[in-house]
Amino acid sequence: MDNFLATKPSGDIYTKQIRDFLASNFYIADVKSLSATESLLDQGIVDSTGVLEIIGFIEETFGIAVEDSELLPENLDSIQGIAQFIARKKG
């Protein structure tokens, strides 16, 4: 199993947890159609308050601190971006 996880692209191991969090905390009409790469803000799923909820989720779930300098769209505006951000911080 460790070899399987090691071969997955950076961040993919966190995608399901992030998707599950979004589905349980934000209104998403069709969770299965939620793109991992599209902007959560542009899709209307998350607003500025929602970004704060995502930061809280990241800090509590993964035990990492999100610094002010890391509050960037590439880190927090898509499932893939969030997953890769977590992977970098945990790495």
PDB file of N, CA and C in Angstrom:
ATOM      1  N   MET A   1       0.824  -1.193   0.000  1.00  0.00           N
ATOM      2  CA  MET A   1       0.000   0.000   0.000  1.00  0.00           C
ATOM      3  C   MET A   1       0.869   1.258   0.000  1.00  0.00           C
ATOM      4  N   ASP A   2       1.976   1.246   0.729  1.00  0.00           N
ATOM      5  CA  ASP A   2       2.846   2.416   0.778  1.00  0.00           C
ATOM      6  C   ASP A   2       3.381   2.762  -0.613  1.00  0.00           C
ATOM      7  N   ASN A   3       3.703   1.742  -1.406  1.00  0.00           N
ATOM      8  CA  ASN A   3       4.198   1.995  -2.749  1.00  0.00           C
ATOM      9  C   ASN A   3       3.135   2.670  -3.601  1.00  0.00           C
ATOM     10  N   PHE A   4       1.881   2.257  -3.423  1.00  0.00           N
ATOM     11  CA  PHE A   4       0.782   2.867  -4.168  1.00  0.00           C
ATOM     12  C   PHE A   4       0.684   4.345  -3.834  1.00  0.00           C
ATOM     13  N   LEU A   5       0.728   4.694  -2.558  1.00  0.00           N
ATOM     14  CA  LEU A   5       0.627   6.090  -2.157  1.00  0.00           C
ATOM     15  C   LEU A   5       1.827   6.891  -2.642  1.00  0.00           C
ATOM     16  N   ALA A   6       2.982   6.274  -2.645  1.00  0.00           N
ATOM     17  CA  ALA A   6       4.192   6.975  -3.043  1.00  0.00           C
ATOM     18  C   ALA A   6       4.174   7.323  -4.531  1.00  0.00           C
ATOM     19  N   THR A   7       3.433   6.555  -5.345  1.00  0.00           N
ATOM     20  CA  THR A   7       3.415   6.806  -6.776  1.00  0.00           C
ATOM     21  C   THR A   7       2.338   7.803  -7.184  1.00  0.00           C
ATOM     22  N   LYS A   8       1.441   8.140  -6.286  1.00  0.00           N
ATOM     23  CA  LYS A   8       0.383   9.098  -6.620  1.00  0.00           C
ATOM     24  C   LYS A   8       0.971  10.507  -6.684  1.00  0.00           C
ATOM     25  N   PRO A   9       0.444  11.351  -7.577  1.00  0.00           N
ATOM     26  CA  PRO A   9       0.939  12.726  -7.646  1.00  0.00           C
ATOM     27  C   PRO A   9       0.747  13.450  -6.317  1.00  0.00           C
ATOM     28  N   SER A  10       1.612  14.388  -6.062  1.00  0.00           N
ATOM     29  CA  SER A  10       1.599  15.135  -4.809  1.00  0.00           C
ATOM     30  C   SER A  10       0.213  15.710  -4.513  1.00  0.00           C
ATOM     31  N   GLY A  11      -0.308  15.419  -3.335  1.00  0.00           N
ATOM     32  CA  GLY A  11      -1.574  15.980  -2.909  1.00  0.00           C
ATOM     33  C   GLY A  11      -2.784  15.111  -3.162  1.00  0.00           C
ATOM     34  N   ASP A  12      -2.683  14.146  -4.080  1.00  0.00           N
ATOM     35  CA  ASP A  12      -3.851  13.330  -4.412  1.00  0.00           C
ATOM     36  C   ASP A  12      -4.400  12.562  -3.213  1.00  0.00           C
ATOM     37  N   ILE A  13      -3.559  12.230  -2.257  1.00  0.00           N
ATOM     38  CA  ILE A  13      -4.028  11.457  -1.107  1.00  0.00           C
ATOM     39  C   ILE A  13      -4.956  12.279  -0.220  1.00  0.00           C
ATOM     40  N   TYR A  14      -4.967  13.603  -0.385  1.00  0.00           N
ATOM     41  CA  TYR A  14      -5.824  14.465   0.433  1.00  0.00           C
ATOM     42  C   TYR A  14      -7.120  14.863  -0.270  1.00  0.00           C
ATOM     43  N   THR A  15      -7.222  14.585  -1.558  1.00  0.00           N
ATOM     44  CA  THR A  15      -8.353  15.042  -2.357  1.00  0.00           C
ATOM     45  C   THR A  15      -9.685  14.567  -1.810  1.00  0.00           C
ATOM     46  N   LYS A  16      -9.809  13.306  -1.436  1.00  0.00           N
ATOM     47  CA  LYS A  16     -11.082  12.784  -0.937  1.00  0.00           C
ATOM     48  C   LYS A  16     -11.502  13.486   0.355  1.00  0.00           C
ATOM     49  N   GLN A  17     -10.570  13.683   1.269  1.00  0.00           N
ATOM     50  CA  GLN A  17     -10.895  14.376   2.524  1.00  0.00           C
ATOM     51  C   GLN A  17     -11.385  15.796   2.254  1.00  0.00           C
ATOM     52  N   ILE A  18     -10.743  16.470   1.330  1.00  0.00           N
ATOM     53  CA  ILE A  18     -11.126  17.843   0.994  1.00  0.00           C
ATOM     54  C   ILE A  18     -12.512  17.849   0.354  1.00  0.00           C
ATOM     55  N   ARG A  19     -12.731  16.949  -0.595  1.00  0.00           N
ATOM     56  CA  ARG A  19     -14.028  16.853  -1.271  1.00  0.00           C
ATOM     57  C   ARG A  19     -15.133  16.545  -0.256  1.00  0.00           C
ATOM     58  N   ASP A  20     -14.873  15.624   0.651  1.00  0.00           N
ATOM     59  CA  ASP A  20     -15.860  15.271   1.684  1.00  0.00           C
ATOM     60  C   ASP A  20     -16.164  16.467   2.584  1.00  0.00           C
ATOM     61  N   PHE A  21     -15.138  17.216   2.955  1.00  0.00           N
ATOM     62  CA  PHE A  21     -15.336  18.407   3.778  1.00  0.00           C
ATOM     63  C   PHE A  21     -16.207  19.426   3.044  1.00  0.00           C
ATOM     64  N   LEU A  22     -15.897  19.683   1.793  1.00  0.00           N
ATOM     65  CA  LEU A  22     -16.672  20.647   1.018  1.00  0.00           C
ATOM     66  C   LEU A  22     -18.127  20.202   0.888  1.00  0.00           C
ATOM     67  N   ALA A  23     -18.331  18.911   0.619  1.00  0.00           N
ATOM     68  CA  ALA A  23     -19.685  18.391   0.442  1.00  0.00           C
ATOM     69  C   ALA A  23     -20.510  18.495   1.719  1.00  0.00           C
ATOM     70  N   SER A  24     -19.874  18.357   2.867  1.00  0.00           N
ATOM     71  CA  SER A  24     -20.622  18.395   4.126  1.00  0.00           C
ATOM     72  C   SER A  24     -20.763  19.800   4.706  1.00  0.00           C
ATOM     73  N   ASN A  25     -19.995  20.767   4.210  1.00  0.00           N
ATOM     74  CA  ASN A  25     -20.023  22.111   4.780  1.00  0.00           C
ATOM     75  C   ASN A  25     -20.506  23.212   3.837  1.00  0.00           C
ATOM     76  N   PHE A  26     -20.623  22.894   2.549  1.00  0.00           N
ATOM     77  CA  PHE A  26     -21.041  23.890   1.560  1.00  0.00           C
ATOM     78  C   PHE A  26     -22.097  23.264   0.664  1.00  0.00           C
ATOM     79  N   TYR A  27     -22.961  24.101   0.098  1.00  0.00           N
ATOM     80  CA  TYR A  27     -23.975  23.581  -0.809  1.00  0.00           C
ATOM     81  C   TYR A  27     -23.330  23.273  -2.156  1.00  0.00           C
ATOM     82  N   ILE A  28     -23.402  22.000  -2.541  1.00  0.00           N
ATOM     83  CA  ILE A  28     -22.908  21.560  -3.845  1.00  0.00           C
ATOM     84  C   ILE A  28     -24.007  20.683  -4.440  1.00  0.00           C
ATOM     85  N   ALA A  29     -24.583  21.126  -5.540  1.00  0.00           N
ATOM     86  CA  ALA A  29     -25.712  20.411  -6.142  1.00  0.00           C
ATOM     87  C   ALA A  29     -25.327  18.991  -6.552  1.00  0.00           C
ATOM     88  N   ASP A  30     -24.186  18.820  -7.165  1.00  0.00           N
ATOM     89  CA  ASP A  30     -23.748  17.500  -7.628  1.00  0.00           C
ATOM     90  C   ASP A  30     -22.277  17.315  -7.265  1.00  0.00           C
ATOM     91  N   VAL A  31     -22.038  16.674  -6.141  1.00  0.00           N
ATOM     92  CA  VAL A  31     -20.674  16.505  -5.636  1.00  0.00           C
ATOM     93  C   VAL A  31     -19.801  15.749  -6.630  1.00  0.00           C
ATOM     94  N   LYS A  32     -20.373  14.757  -7.319  1.00  0.00           N
ATOM     95  CA  LYS A  32     -19.589  13.958  -8.260  1.00  0.00           C
ATOM     96  C   LYS A  32     -19.079  14.785  -9.433  1.00  0.00           C
ATOM     97  N   SER A  33     -19.785  15.849  -9.775  1.00  0.00           N
ATOM     98  CA  SER A  33     -19.357  16.675 -10.903  1.00  0.00           C
ATOM     99  C   SER A  33     -18.412  17.797 -10.484  1.00  0.00           C
ATOM    100  N   LEU A  34     -18.112  17.873  -9.190  1.00  0.00           N
ATOM    101  CA  LEU A  34     -17.221  18.913  -8.676  1.00  0.00           C
ATOM    102  C   LEU A  34     -15.808  18.703  -9.217  1.00  0.00           C
ATOM    103  N   SER A  35     -15.342  19.657  -9.977  1.00  0.00           N
ATOM    104  CA  SER A  35     -14.012  19.568 -10.579  1.00  0.00           C
ATOM    105  C   SER A  35     -12.933  19.825  -9.535  1.00  0.00           C
ATOM    106  N   ALA A  36     -11.866  19.049  -9.608  1.00  0.00           N
ATOM    107  CA  ALA A  36     -10.752  19.228  -8.673  1.00  0.00           C
ATOM    108  C   ALA A  36      -9.900  20.434  -9.040  1.00  0.00           C
ATOM    109  N   THR A  37      -9.998  20.879 -10.282  1.00  0.00           N
ATOM    110  CA  THR A  37      -9.112  21.944 -10.741  1.00  0.00           C
ATOM    111  C   THR A  37      -9.793  23.303 -10.885  1.00  0.00           C
ATOM    112  N   GLU A  38     -11.115  23.337 -10.930  1.00  0.00           N
ATOM    113  CA  GLU A  38     -11.818  24.616 -11.110  1.00  0.00           C
ATOM    114  C   GLU A  38     -11.879  25.407  -9.806  1.00  0.00           C
ATOM    115  N   SER A  39     -11.936  26.719  -9.950  1.00  0.00           N
ATOM    116  CA  SER A  39     -11.993  27.624  -8.813  1.00  0.00           C
ATOM    117  C   SER A  39     -13.274  27.419  -8.009  1.00  0.00           C
ATOM    118  N   LEU A  40     -13.117  27.220  -6.705  1.00  0.00           N
ATOM    119  CA  LEU A  40     -14.272  27.087  -5.819  1.00  0.00           C
ATOM    120  C   LEU A  40     -15.023  28.408  -5.719  1.00  0.00           C
ATOM    121  N   LEU A  41     -14.308  29.518  -5.789  1.00  0.00           N
ATOM    122  CA  LEU A  41     -14.939  30.842  -5.764  1.00  0.00           C
ATOM    123  C   LEU A  41     -15.727  31.079  -7.045  1.00  0.00           C
ATOM    124  N   ASP A  42     -15.125  30.794  -8.198  1.00  0.00           N
ATOM    125  CA  ASP A  42     -15.790  31.011  -9.478  1.00  0.00           C
ATOM    126  C   ASP A  42     -17.033  30.133  -9.634  1.00  0.00           C
ATOM    127  N   GLN A  43     -17.014  28.938  -9.048  1.00  0.00           N
ATOM    128  CA  GLN A  43     -18.165  28.040  -9.123  1.00  0.00           C
ATOM    129  C   GLN A  43     -19.261  28.439  -8.134  1.00  0.00           C
ATOM    130  N   GLY A  44     -18.974  29.415  -7.278  1.00  0.00           N
ATOM    131  CA  GLY A  44     -19.965  29.866  -6.308  1.00  0.00           C
ATOM    132  C   GLY A  44     -20.123  28.942  -5.117  1.00  0.00           C
ATOM    133  N   ILE A  45     -19.181  28.052  -4.918  1.00  0.00           N
ATOM    134  CA  ILE A  45     -19.250  27.098  -3.808  1.00  0.00           C
ATOM    135  C   ILE A  45     -18.752  27.745  -2.524  1.00  0.00           C
ATOM    136  N   VAL A  46     -17.691  28.515  -2.638  1.00  0.00           N
ATOM    137  CA  VAL A  46     -17.047  29.129  -1.481  1.00  0.00           C
ATOM    138  C   VAL A  46     -17.008  30.645  -1.675  1.00  0.00           C
ATOM    139  N   ASP A  47     -17.248  31.367  -0.588  1.00  0.00           N
ATOM    140  CA  ASP A  47     -17.060  32.821  -0.594  1.00  0.00           C
ATOM    141  C   ASP A  47     -15.921  33.142   0.368  1.00  0.00           C
ATOM    142  N   SER A  48     -15.716  34.409   0.675  1.00  0.00           N
ATOM    143  CA  SER A  48     -14.585  34.781   1.524  1.00  0.00           C
ATOM    144  C   SER A  48     -14.684  34.156   2.920  1.00  0.00           C
ATOM    145  N   THR A  49     -15.884  34.044   3.444  1.00  0.00           N
ATOM    146  CA  THR A  49     -16.064  33.385   4.741  1.00  0.00           C
ATOM    147  C   THR A  49     -15.764  31.891   4.621  1.00  0.00           C
ATOM    148  N   GLY A  50     -16.144  31.315   3.504  1.00  0.00           N
ATOM    149  CA  GLY A  50     -15.865  29.900   3.257  1.00  0.00           C
ATOM    150  C   GLY A  50     -14.382  29.604   3.218  1.00  0.00           C
ATOM    151  N   VAL A  51     -13.600  30.552   2.707  1.00  0.00           N
ATOM    152  CA  VAL A  51     -12.143  30.372   2.683  1.00  0.00           C
ATOM    153  C   VAL A  51     -11.627  30.240   4.113  1.00  0.00           C
ATOM    154  N   LEU A  52     -12.185  31.016   5.028  1.00  0.00           N
ATOM    155  CA  LEU A  52     -11.789  30.914   6.435  1.00  0.00           C
ATOM    156  C   LEU A  52     -12.141  29.539   7.001  1.00  0.00           C
ATOM    157  N   GLU A  53     -13.286  29.000   6.592  1.00  0.00           N
ATOM    158  CA  GLU A  53     -13.671  27.655   7.030  1.00  0.00           C
ATOM    159  C   GLU A  53     -12.692  26.616   6.490  1.00  0.00           C
ATOM    160  N   ILE A  54     -12.273  26.784   5.256  1.00  0.00           N
ATOM    161  CA  ILE A  54     -11.304  25.854   4.661  1.00  0.00           C
ATOM    162  C   ILE A  54      -9.976  25.929   5.414  1.00  0.00           C
ATOM    163  N   ILE A  55      -9.543  27.127   5.765  1.00  0.00           N
ATOM    164  CA  ILE A  55      -8.303  27.290   6.525  1.00  0.00           C
ATOM    165  C   ILE A  55      -8.419  26.570   7.874  1.00  0.00           C
ATOM    166  N   GLY A  56      -9.540  26.749   8.552  1.00  0.00           N
ATOM    167  CA  GLY A  56      -9.763  26.054   9.825  1.00  0.00           C
ATOM    168  C   GLY A  56      -9.719  24.550   9.649  1.00  0.00           C
ATOM    169  N   PHE A  57     -10.333  24.056   8.579  1.00  0.00           N
ATOM    170  CA  PHE A  57     -10.324  22.615   8.276  1.00  0.00           C
ATOM    171  C   PHE A  57      -8.889  22.120   8.072  1.00  0.00           C
ATOM    172  N   ILE A  58      -8.118  22.848   7.291  1.00  0.00           N
ATOM    173  CA  ILE A  58      -6.731  22.455   7.025  1.00  0.00           C
ATOM    174  C   ILE A  58      -5.935  22.405   8.329  1.00  0.00           C
ATOM    175  N   GLU A  59      -6.069  23.446   9.140  1.00  0.00           N
ATOM    176  CA  GLU A  59      -5.286  23.515  10.378  1.00  0.00           C
ATOM    177  C   GLU A  59      -5.695  22.425  11.361  1.00  0.00           C
ATOM    178  N   GLU A  60      -6.984  22.201  11.520  1.00  0.00           N
ATOM    179  CA  GLU A  60      -7.453  21.197  12.483  1.00  0.00           C
ATOM    180  C   GLU A  60      -7.226  19.769  12.003  1.00  0.00           C
ATOM    181  N   THR A  61      -7.525  19.517  10.748  1.00  0.00           N
ATOM    182  CA  THR A  61      -7.452  18.150  10.225  1.00  0.00           C
ATOM    183  C   THR A  61      -6.029  17.673   9.998  1.00  0.00           C
ATOM    184  N   PHE A  62      -5.196  18.561   9.501  1.00  0.00           N
ATOM    185  CA  PHE A  62      -3.848  18.148   9.107  1.00  0.00           C
ATOM    186  C   PHE A  62      -2.756  18.665  10.033  1.00  0.00           C
ATOM    187  N   GLY A  63      -3.135  19.454  11.036  1.00  0.00           N
ATOM    188  CA  GLY A  63      -2.177  19.924  12.024  1.00  0.00           C
ATOM    189  C   GLY A  63      -1.109  20.844  11.467  1.00  0.00           C
ATOM    190  N   ILE A  64      -1.488  21.642  10.482  1.00  0.00           N
ATOM    191  CA  ILE A  64      -0.533  22.587   9.914  1.00  0.00           C
ATOM    192  C   ILE A  64      -1.079  24.003  10.043  1.00  0.00           C
ATOM    193  N   ALA A  65      -0.189  24.954  10.162  1.00  0.00           N
ATOM    194  CA  ALA A  65      -0.583  26.359  10.262  1.00  0.00           C
ATOM    195  C   ALA A  65      -0.555  26.980   8.872  1.00  0.00           C
ATOM    196  N   VAL A  66      -1.593  27.739   8.569  1.00  0.00           N
ATOM    197  CA  VAL A  66      -1.647  28.467   7.311  1.00  0.00           C
ATOM    198  C   VAL A  66      -1.241  29.909   7.618  1.00  0.00           C
ATOM    199  N   GLU A  67      -0.095  30.303   7.084  1.00  0.00           N
ATOM    200  CA  GLU A  67       0.430  31.648   7.327  1.00  0.00           C
ATOM    201  C   GLU A  67      -0.280  32.665   6.429  1.00  0.00           C
ATOM    202  N   ASP A  68      -0.295  33.914   6.856  1.00  0.00           N
ATOM    203  CA  ASP A  68      -0.912  34.978   6.058  1.00  0.00           C
ATOM    204  C   ASP A  68      -0.335  35.029   4.645  1.00  0.00           C
ATOM    205  N   SER A  69       0.961  34.818   4.520  1.00  0.00           N
ATOM    206  CA  SER A  69       1.620  34.884   3.217  1.00  0.00           C
ATOM    207  C   SER A  69       1.208  33.727   2.299  1.00  0.00           C
ATOM    208  N   GLU A  70       0.549  32.714   2.858  1.00  0.00           N
ATOM    209  CA  GLU A  70       0.127  31.554   2.074  1.00  0.00           C
ATOM    210  C   GLU A  70      -1.341  31.633   1.647  1.00  0.00           C
ATOM    211  N   LEU A  71      -2.019  32.712   2.001  1.00  0.00           N
ATOM    212  CA  LEU A  71      -3.425  32.903   1.642  1.00  0.00           C
ATOM    213  C   LEU A  71      -3.522  33.375   0.197  1.00  0.00           C
ATOM    214  N   LEU A  72      -3.219  32.467  -0.701  1.00  0.00           N
ATOM    215  CA  LEU A  72      -3.164  32.758  -2.127  1.00  0.00           C
ATOM    216  C   LEU A  72      -4.151  31.858  -2.880  1.00  0.00           C
ATOM    217  N   PRO A  73      -4.715  32.330  -3.981  1.00  0.00           N
ATOM    218  CA  PRO A  73      -5.657  31.500  -4.733  1.00  0.00           C
ATOM    219  C   PRO A  73      -5.085  30.141  -5.133  1.00  0.00           C
ATOM    220  N   GLU A  74      -3.818  30.103  -5.515  1.00  0.00           N
ATOM    221  CA  GLU A  74      -3.250  28.819  -5.936  1.00  0.00           C
ATOM    222  C   GLU A  74      -3.203  27.801  -4.795  1.00  0.00           C
ATOM    223  N   ASN A  75      -3.241  28.256  -3.557  1.00  0.00           N
ATOM    224  CA  ASN A  75      -3.225  27.353  -2.404  1.00  0.00           C
ATOM    225  C   ASN A  75      -4.620  26.968  -1.921  1.00  0.00           C
ATOM    226  N   LEU A  76      -5.621  27.819  -2.145  1.00  0.00           N
ATOM    227  CA  LEU A  76      -6.902  27.626  -1.459  1.00  0.00           C
ATOM    228  C   LEU A  76      -8.140  27.694  -2.345  1.00  0.00           C
ATOM    229  N   ASP A  77      -7.993  27.833  -3.661  1.00  0.00           N
ATOM    230  CA  ASP A  77      -9.165  28.079  -4.499  1.00  0.00           C
ATOM    231  C   ASP A  77      -9.635  26.882  -5.314  1.00  0.00           C
ATOM    232  N   SER A  78      -9.005  25.741  -5.169  1.00  0.00           N
ATOM    233  CA  SER A  78      -9.478  24.529  -5.853  1.00  0.00           C
ATOM    234  C   SER A  78      -9.115  23.329  -4.989  1.00  0.00           C
ATOM    235  N   ILE A  79      -9.797  22.239  -5.230  1.00  0.00           N
ATOM    236  CA  ILE A  79      -9.495  21.021  -4.478  1.00  0.00           C
ATOM    237  C   ILE A  79      -8.047  20.615  -4.717  1.00  0.00           C
ATOM    238  N   GLN A  80      -7.635  20.642  -5.966  1.00  0.00           N
ATOM    239  CA  GLN A  80      -6.260  20.271  -6.297  1.00  0.00           C
ATOM    240  C   GLN A  80      -5.248  21.214  -5.638  1.00  0.00           C
ATOM    241  N   GLY A  81      -5.521  22.510  -5.678  1.00  0.00           N
ATOM    242  CA  GLY A  81      -4.624  23.481  -5.056  1.00  0.00           C
ATOM    243  C   GLY A  81      -4.498  23.264  -3.560  1.00  0.00           C
ATOM    244  N   ILE A  82      -5.621  23.008  -2.900  1.00  0.00           N
ATOM    245  CA  ILE A  82      -5.615  22.758  -1.456  1.00  0.00           C
ATOM    246  C   ILE A  82      -4.820  21.492  -1.153  1.00  0.00           C
ATOM    247  N   ALA A  83      -5.063  20.435  -1.929  1.00  0.00           N
ATOM    248  CA  ALA A  83      -4.370  19.158  -1.715  1.00  0.00           C
ATOM    249  C   ALA A  83      -2.860  19.306  -1.892  1.00  0.00           C
ATOM    250  N   GLN A  84      -2.460  20.028  -2.917  1.00  0.00           N
ATOM    251  CA  GLN A  84      -1.025  20.221  -3.156  1.00  0.00           C
ATOM    252  C   GLN A  84      -0.401  21.096  -2.076  1.00  0.00           C
ATOM    253  N   PHE A  85      -1.150  22.090  -1.608  1.00  0.00           N
ATOM    254  CA  PHE A  85      -0.674  22.943  -0.517  1.00  0.00           C
ATOM    255  C   PHE A  85      -0.444  22.108   0.737  1.00  0.00           C
ATOM    256  N   ILE A  86      -1.403  21.252   1.078  1.00  0.00           N
ATOM    257  CA  ILE A  86      -1.268  20.387   2.258  1.00  0.00           C
ATOM    258  C   ILE A  86      -0.064  19.477   2.094  1.00  0.00           C
ATOM    259  N   ALA A  87       0.084  18.888   0.926  1.00  0.00           N
ATOM    260  CA  ALA A  87       1.218  17.978   0.665  1.00  0.00           C
ATOM    261  C   ALA A  87       2.548  18.691   0.856  1.00  0.00           C
ATOM    262  N   ARG A  88       2.649  19.935   0.360  1.00  0.00           N
ATOM    263  CA  ARG A  88       3.895  20.716   0.536  1.00  0.00           C
ATOM    264  C   ARG A  88       4.165  20.994   2.006  1.00  0.00           C
ATOM    265  N   LYS A  89       3.129  21.393   2.723  1.00  0.00           N
ATOM    266  CA  LYS A  89       3.284  21.726   4.137  1.00  0.00           C
ATOM    267  C   LYS A  89       3.622  20.489   4.974  1.00  0.00           C
ATOM    268  N   LYS A  90       3.038  19.349   4.629  1.00  0.00           N
ATOM    269  CA  LYS A  90       3.275  18.125   5.390  1.00  0.00           C
ATOM    270  C   LYS A  90       4.602  17.483   4.998  1.00  0.00           C
ATOM    271  N   GLY A  91       5.084  17.811   3.776  1.00  0.00           N
ATOM    272  CA  GLY A  91       6.286  17.190   3.233  1.00  0.00           C
ATOM    273  C   GLY A  91       7.476  17.468   4.040  1.00  0.00           C
TER     274      GLY A  91
END
